[in-house]
Amino acid sequence: MINNVLYRHGITTVVFGLAFIFSFIRVEAQEIKAVEDYEEADTLVEDTTKYIEEKHELPWPQNIRARIDKLMESSIFTTSTVGMEIYDLTADSTIYTYNERQLMRPASTLKMIVAVTALDRLGSSYKYTTSLHYKGDIDSTTLTGDVYCKGGFDPAFNNSDMDMFVEAVKQLGIDTIRGDIYADVTMKDKDRLGEGWCWDDDNPVLSPLLINRKDEFVQYFKARLEKAGIYIDGEMKEDHTPYGTHEICRKERLLCDIMKRMMKRSDNLYAESMFYQLAADASTSRVTSARHGRQAVNRLITKFGLKPSHYYIADGSGLSLYNYVSPHLEIQFLRHAYANKSIYENLLPTMPIAGVDGTLSKRMRRGYAHENVKAKTGTVTGVSALAGYCTAANGHVLCFSIINMGIRHSSSGRNFQDRVCEALCRP
């Protein structure tokens, strides 16, 4: 009897135990299935969201604003700041702004401001001129008098140009110069460095008479004359070219030839030379300075309806620590260029092209910004900037200015700028 009861109880326990185990297995299986269904559902929701976003894209230009707002969530802005303005030139309206009137250091995007000002004030046909003169008499094979090398701040003057000068002297039929060789550097003041430049930067020499970028023109000229068999019985000096001299030869170079290297390769010497050209006036004998170059830029700022006193233009290259502009100001220069065909058609070809050439050759190599963005870069310690043009997917021409400040690594700023450009260009 007892054995029967125990037997029946044991069976019942086993049955309940098995039932519990199978129940647990079913529950676990259901939980696993639920998790799988959730993960699958989550994936489907994500894909559907993407599909919906693609099919129901925000209208122009809200789509651009939404994209940039998302980029503004970047962690780089916990320790740095950015100023930005994006303008639709086709619709003549502002698309996006952020700290657009904040004063910031432009770095080499300042070169764009100088280029626009030069094309506006001087025109694309303006020529840099370096000339050679003499005063005295030529008797047989001897020049009794002095030779003057008059500088016009041509940063590209090179060996080939010097060969032309030496050959021109030889064409006079002389083998002796009984007089001095003068360097006429009176085009500009005696400052050889810019205001607010750091002592440890690779700063260009601001001399209006250069050979291969060096302030050694007269020494080099004298050595080349002697090598050509022309004896010089005199010294090397500095003075202005006096009235009544005879011009031996001159080397002229178009403004746009200088501008191309200045913009594509961000050449600081070329930019400074153009800055001083803004102040040069062939009708007067005044000595130009950075102040005169600044005044030329300020006249254009005034034309935009802005106050020059709100900004500061210290040099032409963007090297100076004293330069302060705003993204909004840079947009005004880009708009002015676009509105004037002669300026825009000469400026645009000098801009670096994304993923193709110049300082943008290694950036935006893929995507919708590739070959689309044409802009001037800018980099100094703590600052990375980009200002220029692109074409949106709807065919609208845009201009933009982005200045990242307070960044420890310039690559952070460049990456942000590239993403903004991609957001502007993609459908």
Protein backbone atom coordinates (compact mmCIF):
# COMPACT_ATOMS: atom_id res chain seq x y z
CA MET A 1 0.00 0.00 0.00
CA ILE A 2 2.70 2.37 1.03
CA ASN A 3 4.75 1.39 -1.97
CA ASN A 4 1.82 2.10 -4.30
CA VAL A 5 1.34 5.54 -2.81
CA LEU A 6 4.99 6.35 -3.12
CA TYR A 7 5.01 5.08 -6.64
CA ARG A 8 2.02 7.23 -7.60
CA HIS A 9 3.52 10.26 -5.84
CA GLY A 10 6.80 9.76 -7.63
CA ILE A 11 5.11 9.65 -10.99
CA THR A 12 3.17 12.78 -10.15
CA THR A 13 6.38 14.56 -9.14
CA VAL A 14 8.10 13.52 -12.31
CA VAL A 15 5.14 14.64 -14.39
CA PHE A 16 5.03 18.04 -12.68
CA GLY A 17 8.79 18.30 -12.94
CA LEU A 18 8.73 17.55 -16.64
CA ALA A 19 5.87 19.94 -17.10
CA PHE A 20 7.85 22.68 -15.32
CA ILE A 21 10.92 22.00 -17.45
CA PHE A 22 8.97 22.06 -20.69
CA SER A 23 7.19 25.20 -19.52
CA PHE A 24 10.58 26.82 -18.80
CA ILE A 25 11.84 25.76 -22.21
CA ARG A 26 8.76 27.23 -23.86
CA VAL A 27 9.15 30.50 -21.92
CA GLU A 28 12.85 30.72 -22.75
CA ALA A 29 12.11 29.92 -26.36
CA GLN A 30 9.42 32.61 -26.40
CA GLU A 31 11.84 35.14 -24.86
CA ILE A 32 14.50 34.26 -27.41
CA LYS A 33 11.93 34.55 -30.17
CA ALA A 34 10.74 37.85 -28.71
CA VAL A 35 14.27 39.18 -28.67
CA GLU A 36 14.80 38.01 -32.25
CA ASP A 37 11.50 39.58 -33.28
CA TYR A 38 12.48 42.82 -31.50
CA GLU A 39 15.87 42.94 -33.15
CA GLU A 40 14.33 42.20 -36.52
CA ALA A 41 11.60 44.74 -35.91
CA ASP A 42 14.22 47.33 -34.83
CA THR A 43 16.16 46.72 -38.01
CA LEU A 44 13.05 47.02 -40.10
CA VAL A 45 12.06 50.24 -38.37
CA GLU A 46 15.51 51.68 -38.99
CA ASP A 47 15.43 50.72 -42.66
CA THR A 48 11.90 52.05 -42.99
CA THR A 49 12.96 55.34 -41.42
CA LYS A 50 15.77 55.65 -43.93
CA TYR A 51 13.32 54.84 -46.70
CA ILE A 52 10.88 57.43 -45.43
CA GLU A 53 13.62 60.07 -45.13
CA GLU A 54 14.76 59.40 -48.67
CA LYS A 55 11.21 59.45 -50.02
CA HIS A 56 10.07 62.42 -47.98
CA GLU A 57 13.13 64.67 -47.92
CA LEU A 58 12.59 68.08 -46.43
CA PRO A 59 12.09 70.86 -48.99
CA TRP A 60 14.87 73.24 -49.96
CA PRO A 61 16.53 74.79 -48.02
CA GLN A 62 15.18 73.16 -44.83
CA ASN A 63 16.96 69.96 -45.82
CA ILE A 64 20.30 71.77 -45.80
CA ARG A 65 19.59 73.31 -42.41
CA ALA A 66 18.63 69.95 -40.93
CA ARG A 67 21.82 68.32 -42.20
CA ILE A 68 24.05 71.04 -40.80
CA ASP A 69 22.19 71.10 -37.50
CA LYS A 70 23.05 67.41 -37.20
CA LEU A 71 26.72 68.14 -37.93
CA MET A 72 26.69 70.82 -35.25
CA GLU A 73 26.20 68.06 -32.67
CA SER A 74 29.85 67.08 -33.15
CA SER A 75 31.90 66.61 -30.00
CA ILE A 76 34.57 69.03 -31.29
CA PHE A 77 32.35 71.90 -30.20
CA THR A 78 32.74 71.04 -26.52
CA THR A 79 36.21 72.64 -26.70
CA SER A 80 36.07 74.82 -29.82
CA THR A 81 33.74 77.13 -31.70
CA VAL A 82 32.73 77.79 -35.27
CA GLY A 83 31.40 80.71 -37.26
CA MET A 84 29.50 79.95 -40.42
CA GLU A 85 27.31 81.52 -43.07
CA ILE A 86 25.90 79.88 -46.19
CA TYR A 87 24.27 81.98 -48.87
CA ASP A 88 22.16 80.94 -51.85
CA LEU A 89 23.40 83.15 -54.68
CA THR A 90 20.76 81.90 -57.11
CA ALA A 91 17.86 82.66 -54.77
CA ASP A 92 19.66 85.67 -53.25
CA SER A 93 18.94 84.53 -49.70
CA THR A 94 20.71 83.28 -46.61
CA ILE A 95 20.43 79.55 -45.94
CA TYR A 96 22.28 79.05 -42.69
CA THR A 97 24.05 81.13 -40.06
CA TYR A 98 25.86 80.39 -36.82
CA ASN A 99 28.09 82.93 -35.07
CA GLU A 100 28.27 84.57 -38.48
CA ARG A 101 29.13 88.02 -37.10
CA GLN A 102 31.62 86.74 -34.55
CA LEU A 103 35.08 88.25 -35.07
CA MET A 104 37.52 85.51 -35.97
CA ARG A 105 40.96 85.03 -37.47
CA PRO A 106 40.52 84.16 -41.14
CA ALA A 107 43.94 82.56 -41.69
CA SER A 108 44.55 82.23 -45.45
CA THR A 109 40.91 82.76 -46.42
CA LEU A 110 41.96 86.41 -46.15
CA LYS A 111 43.67 85.85 -49.50
CA MET A 112 40.21 85.55 -51.05
CA ILE A 113 39.35 89.01 -49.70
CA VAL A 114 42.59 90.41 -51.16
CA ALA A 115 41.95 88.72 -54.52
CA VAL A 116 38.41 90.11 -54.82
CA THR A 117 39.62 93.59 -53.83
CA ALA A 118 42.46 93.44 -56.38
CA LEU A 119 40.15 92.40 -59.21
CA ASP A 120 37.67 95.10 -58.20
CA ARG A 121 40.25 97.88 -57.86
CA LEU A 122 42.97 96.94 -60.37
CA GLY A 123 41.26 94.62 -62.85
CA SER A 124 42.55 91.40 -64.42
CA SER A 125 44.68 93.27 -66.98
CA TYR A 126 46.78 94.97 -64.29
CA LYS A 127 50.49 94.20 -64.62
CA TYR A 128 53.33 93.88 -62.15
CA THR A 129 56.39 95.69 -63.51
CA THR A 130 60.10 95.36 -62.80
CA SER A 131 62.24 97.67 -64.93
CA LEU A 132 65.88 98.42 -65.68
CA HIS A 133 67.18 101.95 -66.40
CA TYR A 134 70.40 103.86 -66.85
CA LYS A 135 71.41 107.48 -66.57
CA GLY A 136 74.59 108.66 -68.20
CA ASP A 137 76.34 108.41 -71.54
CA ILE A 138 77.42 105.48 -73.66
CA ASP A 139 80.71 106.01 -75.47
CA SER A 140 81.84 103.07 -77.56
CA THR A 141 81.72 100.06 -75.19
CA THR A 142 81.54 102.01 -71.93
CA LEU A 143 78.57 103.30 -70.00
CA THR A 144 79.61 106.22 -67.87
CA GLY A 145 76.71 106.50 -65.49
CA ASP A 146 74.55 104.48 -63.15
CA VAL A 147 72.11 101.58 -63.59
CA TYR A 148 68.81 101.42 -61.68
CA CYS A 149 66.79 98.28 -60.94
CA LYS A 150 63.26 99.46 -60.15
CA GLY A 151 61.19 96.99 -58.16
CA GLY A 152 57.46 96.55 -58.52
CA PHE A 153 57.13 93.71 -55.99
CA ASP A 154 56.92 90.89 -58.54
CA PRO A 155 57.17 87.73 -56.38
CA ALA A 156 57.69 85.51 -59.42
CA PHE A 157 60.83 87.22 -60.80
CA ASN A 158 63.27 84.36 -61.52
CA ASN A 159 66.48 83.35 -63.30
CA SER A 160 64.93 83.53 -66.75
CA ASP A 161 63.79 87.08 -66.11
CA MET A 162 67.26 88.01 -64.89
CA ASP A 163 68.78 86.51 -68.04
CA MET A 164 66.56 88.85 -70.03
CA PHE A 165 67.84 91.84 -68.04
CA VAL A 166 71.48 90.86 -68.55
CA GLU A 167 70.93 90.27 -72.25
CA ALA A 168 69.29 93.71 -72.57
CA VAL A 169 72.42 95.33 -71.09
CA LYS A 170 74.62 93.38 -73.50
CA GLN A 171 72.46 94.66 -76.37
CA LEU A 172 73.63 98.16 -75.48
CA GLY A 173 77.02 97.04 -76.83
CA ILE A 174 78.92 97.78 -73.63
CA ASP A 175 81.46 95.80 -71.67
CA THR A 176 82.10 98.34 -68.91
CA ILE A 177 79.89 100.26 -66.49
CA ARG A 178 81.67 103.16 -64.81
CA GLY A 179 79.10 103.85 -62.16
CA ASP A 180 76.97 102.29 -59.46
CA ILE A 181 74.10 99.81 -59.58
CA TYR A 182 71.11 100.94 -57.58
CA ALA A 183 68.23 98.99 -56.09
CA ASP A 184 65.10 101.12 -56.31
CA VAL A 185 62.89 99.72 -53.56
CA THR A 186 60.90 102.90 -53.04
CA MET A 187 57.62 101.35 -54.16
CA LYS A 188 56.90 100.48 -50.52
CA ASP A 189 58.04 101.25 -47.01
CA LYS A 190 61.07 99.64 -45.41
CA ASP A 191 59.08 97.10 -43.37
CA ARG A 192 60.29 93.64 -44.36
CA LEU A 193 57.90 91.75 -42.10
CA GLY A 194 54.17 92.11 -41.57
CA GLU A 195 52.32 93.47 -38.56
CA GLY A 196 51.54 90.78 -36.00
CA TRP A 197 53.63 88.02 -37.61
CA CYS A 198 55.09 85.36 -35.32
CA TRP A 199 58.87 85.37 -35.18
CA ASP A 200 59.09 81.59 -35.64
CA ASP A 201 56.89 81.37 -38.77
CA ASP A 202 58.33 80.89 -42.25
CA ASN A 203 57.66 84.52 -43.12
CA PRO A 204 58.26 85.95 -46.59
CA VAL A 205 60.53 88.97 -47.05
CA LEU A 206 58.52 92.03 -48.06
CA SER A 207 60.94 93.58 -50.50
CA PRO A 208 59.70 95.04 -53.81
CA LEU A 209 62.84 93.84 -55.58
CA LEU A 210 63.22 90.07 -55.35
CA ILE A 211 64.98 87.33 -57.27
CA ASN A 212 63.83 83.76 -56.64
CA ARG A 213 61.92 85.04 -53.60
CA LYS A 214 65.13 86.43 -52.04
CA ASP A 215 66.13 90.00 -51.26
CA GLU A 216 69.35 89.69 -53.28
CA PHE A 217 68.39 91.26 -56.59
CA VAL A 218 71.23 93.73 -57.10
CA GLN A 219 73.92 91.34 -55.86
CA TYR A 220 72.65 88.66 -58.21
CA PHE A 221 72.36 91.11 -61.12
CA LYS A 222 75.92 92.35 -60.63
CA ALA A 223 77.26 88.78 -60.48
CA ARG A 224 75.42 87.81 -63.66
CA LEU A 225 76.70 90.91 -65.51
CA GLU A 226 80.27 90.09 -64.56
CA LYS A 227 79.79 86.49 -65.62
CA ALA A 228 78.59 87.82 -69.00
CA GLY A 229 81.85 89.75 -69.36
CA ILE A 230 80.65 93.19 -68.29
CA TYR A 231 83.01 94.92 -65.87
CA ILE A 232 81.46 97.15 -63.18
CA ASP A 233 83.53 99.96 -61.75
CA GLY A 234 81.20 100.97 -58.96
CA GLU A 235 79.23 99.89 -55.91
CA MET A 236 75.80 98.49 -55.08
CA LYS A 237 73.50 101.07 -53.47
CA GLU A 238 69.85 101.94 -52.86
CA ASP A 239 68.04 105.01 -54.19
CA HIS A 240 65.01 106.02 -56.21
CA THR A 241 65.20 106.09 -59.99
CA PRO A 242 65.75 109.73 -60.95
CA TYR A 243 63.86 111.62 -63.61
CA GLY A 244 65.31 111.49 -67.11
CA THR A 245 66.65 107.93 -67.14
CA HIS A 246 66.63 105.69 -70.20
CA GLU A 247 64.68 102.46 -69.85
CA ILE A 248 66.73 99.43 -70.89
CA CYS A 249 63.98 96.81 -70.47
CA ARG A 250 61.08 95.76 -68.31
CA LYS A 251 59.42 92.56 -67.19
CA GLU A 252 55.64 92.60 -66.89
CA ARG A 253 53.44 89.95 -65.33
CA LEU A 254 49.64 89.83 -65.29
CA LEU A 255 47.77 90.06 -62.02
CA CYS A 256 45.94 86.78 -62.67
CA ASP A 257 49.24 84.94 -63.16
CA ILE A 258 50.19 85.96 -59.63
CA MET A 259 46.71 85.28 -58.28
CA LYS A 260 46.62 81.68 -59.46
CA ARG A 261 49.57 80.58 -57.32
CA MET A 262 48.49 82.83 -54.47
CA MET A 263 45.10 81.08 -54.30
CA LYS A 264 45.81 77.52 -55.44
CA ARG A 265 48.95 77.05 -53.33
CA SER A 266 48.16 79.70 -50.70
CA ASP A 267 51.49 81.41 -51.32
CA ASN A 268 52.03 84.04 -48.63
CA LEU A 269 54.63 86.06 -50.56
CA TYR A 270 52.34 86.32 -53.58
CA ALA A 271 49.48 87.45 -51.35
CA GLU A 272 51.57 90.14 -49.70
CA SER A 273 52.76 91.42 -53.06
CA MET A 274 49.14 91.74 -54.18
CA PHE A 275 48.20 93.48 -50.95
CA TYR A 276 50.79 96.18 -51.69
CA GLN A 277 49.66 96.42 -55.31
CA LEU A 278 46.28 97.53 -53.95
CA ALA A 279 48.02 100.61 -52.60
CA ALA A 280 50.30 101.24 -55.56
CA ASP A 281 49.37 104.14 -57.79
CA ALA A 282 51.40 104.71 -60.94
CA SER A 283 50.28 108.34 -61.09
CA THR A 284 51.92 109.21 -57.78
CA SER A 285 55.30 108.66 -56.19
CA ARG A 286 53.98 107.86 -52.72
CA VAL A 287 55.58 105.06 -50.76
CA THR A 288 52.98 102.36 -50.10
CA SER A 289 52.44 100.55 -46.82
CA ALA A 290 50.19 97.91 -45.29
CA ARG A 291 47.99 100.77 -44.11
CA HIS A 292 47.29 101.75 -47.72
CA GLY A 293 46.45 98.15 -48.59
CA ARG A 294 44.07 98.01 -45.64
CA GLN A 295 42.41 101.23 -46.79
CA ALA A 296 41.75 99.70 -50.21
CA VAL A 297 40.02 96.71 -48.61
CA ASN A 298 38.11 98.98 -46.25
CA ARG A 299 36.71 101.00 -49.14
CA LEU A 300 35.08 97.84 -50.45
CA ILE A 301 33.80 96.95 -46.98
CA THR A 302 32.17 100.38 -46.83
CA LYS A 303 30.62 99.73 -50.23
CA PHE A 304 28.94 96.64 -48.73
CA GLY A 305 27.27 98.85 -46.15
CA LEU A 306 29.46 97.58 -43.30
CA LYS A 307 31.79 99.49 -40.98
CA PRO A 308 35.51 98.85 -41.54
CA SER A 309 36.17 99.78 -37.91
CA HIS A 310 34.40 96.58 -36.89
CA TYR A 311 37.17 94.50 -38.50
CA TYR A 312 40.93 94.61 -38.88
CA ILE A 313 43.01 93.76 -41.94
CA ALA A 314 46.66 93.64 -40.88
CA ASP A 315 48.24 91.96 -43.91
CA GLY A 316 47.43 90.26 -47.19
CA SER A 317 48.33 86.66 -46.40
CA GLY A 318 46.44 85.94 -43.18
CA LEU A 319 49.64 85.27 -41.22
CA SER A 320 49.04 88.11 -38.77
CA LEU A 321 47.65 87.44 -35.31
CA TYR A 322 45.89 90.80 -35.58
CA ASN A 323 43.58 89.94 -38.48
CA TYR A 324 39.92 89.84 -37.50
CA VAL A 325 36.99 89.36 -39.86
CA SER A 326 33.70 87.47 -39.66
CA PRO A 327 32.08 84.79 -41.81
CA HIS A 328 29.43 87.36 -42.72
CA LEU A 329 32.11 89.72 -44.04
CA GLU A 330 33.68 86.98 -46.15
CA ILE A 331 30.27 86.20 -47.61
CA GLN A 332 29.96 89.84 -48.73
CA PHE A 333 33.19 89.54 -50.72
CA LEU A 334 32.06 86.25 -52.29
CA ARG A 335 28.68 87.77 -53.16
CA HIS A 336 30.33 90.86 -54.65
CA ALA A 337 32.55 88.71 -56.83
CA TYR A 338 29.61 86.61 -58.05
CA ALA A 339 27.58 89.72 -58.86
CA ASN A 340 30.38 91.11 -61.04
CA LYS A 341 31.09 88.88 -64.02
CA SER A 342 34.59 90.19 -64.69
CA ILE A 343 35.60 89.50 -61.08
CA TYR A 344 33.94 86.08 -60.78
CA GLU A 345 35.26 84.75 -64.09
CA ASN A 346 38.82 85.59 -63.05
CA LEU A 347 38.49 84.58 -59.40
CA LEU A 348 36.83 81.17 -59.76
CA PRO A 349 39.59 79.51 -61.86
CA THR A 350 42.15 80.41 -59.19
CA MET A 351 40.23 78.67 -56.38
CA PRO A 352 41.46 75.23 -55.27
CA ILE A 353 39.11 72.48 -56.52
CA ALA A 354 37.99 69.79 -54.07
CA GLY A 355 39.92 66.58 -54.59
CA VAL A 356 41.68 67.94 -57.68
CA ASP A 357 44.31 70.61 -57.08
CA GLY A 358 45.88 73.19 -54.83
CA THR A 359 45.34 73.03 -51.10
CA LEU A 360 42.15 70.99 -51.62
CA SER A 361 43.81 68.24 -53.69
CA LYS A 362 43.67 65.75 -50.80
CA ARG A 363 40.25 66.70 -49.49
CA MET A 364 36.77 65.65 -50.61
CA ARG A 365 38.17 63.08 -53.02
CA ARG A 366 34.81 61.31 -53.16
CA GLY A 367 31.17 62.22 -52.84
CA TYR A 368 29.07 65.06 -54.21
CA ALA A 369 31.52 67.75 -53.07
CA HIS A 370 34.29 66.24 -55.21
CA GLU A 371 35.20 68.60 -58.09
CA ASN A 372 32.19 70.68 -57.08
CA VAL A 373 33.57 72.79 -54.23
CA LYS A 374 35.93 75.59 -55.24
CA ALA A 375 37.21 77.35 -52.17
CA LYS A 376 40.10 79.02 -50.38
CA THR A 377 41.51 77.18 -47.39
CA GLY A 378 43.02 78.72 -44.29
CA THR A 379 45.16 77.23 -41.53
CA VAL A 380 47.10 78.78 -38.68
CA THR A 381 47.60 77.49 -35.14
CA GLY A 382 44.17 77.04 -33.57
CA VAL A 383 42.29 78.05 -36.72
CA SER A 384 41.00 76.21 -39.77
CA ALA A 385 38.82 77.95 -42.35
CA LEU A 386 37.22 77.43 -45.75
CA ALA A 387 35.46 79.99 -47.94
CA GLY A 388 34.21 79.64 -51.49
CA TYR A 389 31.55 78.30 -53.83
CA CYS A 390 29.68 75.11 -54.69
CA THR A 391 26.61 74.05 -56.66
CA ALA A 392 23.72 72.34 -54.87
CA ALA A 393 21.83 69.37 -56.29
CA ASN A 394 18.98 71.67 -57.38
CA GLY A 395 21.40 73.72 -59.47
CA HIS A 396 21.61 76.67 -57.09
CA VAL A 397 25.04 78.28 -56.74
CA LEU A 398 26.00 78.72 -53.10
CA CYS A 399 28.78 80.56 -51.33
CA PHE A 400 29.95 79.76 -47.83
CA SER A 401 32.37 80.79 -45.10
CA ILE A 402 33.31 78.40 -42.29
CA ILE A 403 35.84 79.37 -39.61
CA ASN A 404 36.73 76.87 -36.89
CA MET A 405 38.56 78.42 -33.93
CA GLY A 406 40.07 76.98 -30.79
CA ILE A 407 40.88 73.63 -32.38
CA ARG A 408 43.92 71.70 -31.23
CA HIS A 409 44.20 69.71 -34.45
CA SER A 410 43.44 71.43 -37.76
CA SER A 411 42.20 68.10 -39.16
CA SER A 412 39.15 68.41 -36.89
CA GLY A 413 38.19 71.66 -38.58
CA ARG A 414 38.90 70.32 -42.06
CA ASN A 415 36.77 67.24 -41.48
CA PHE A 416 33.87 69.35 -40.26
CA GLN A 417 34.14 71.70 -43.23
CA ASP A 418 34.27 68.80 -45.69
CA ARG A 419 31.10 67.32 -44.17
CA VAL A 420 29.31 70.64 -44.42
CA CYS A 421 30.31 70.87 -48.09
CA GLU A 422 29.03 67.36 -48.71
CA ALA A 423 25.74 68.28 -47.01
CA LEU A 424 25.44 71.31 -49.32
CA CYS A 425 26.13 69.35 -52.50
CA ARG A 426 24.31 66.04 -52.07
CA PRO A 427 20.67 65.53 -53.18
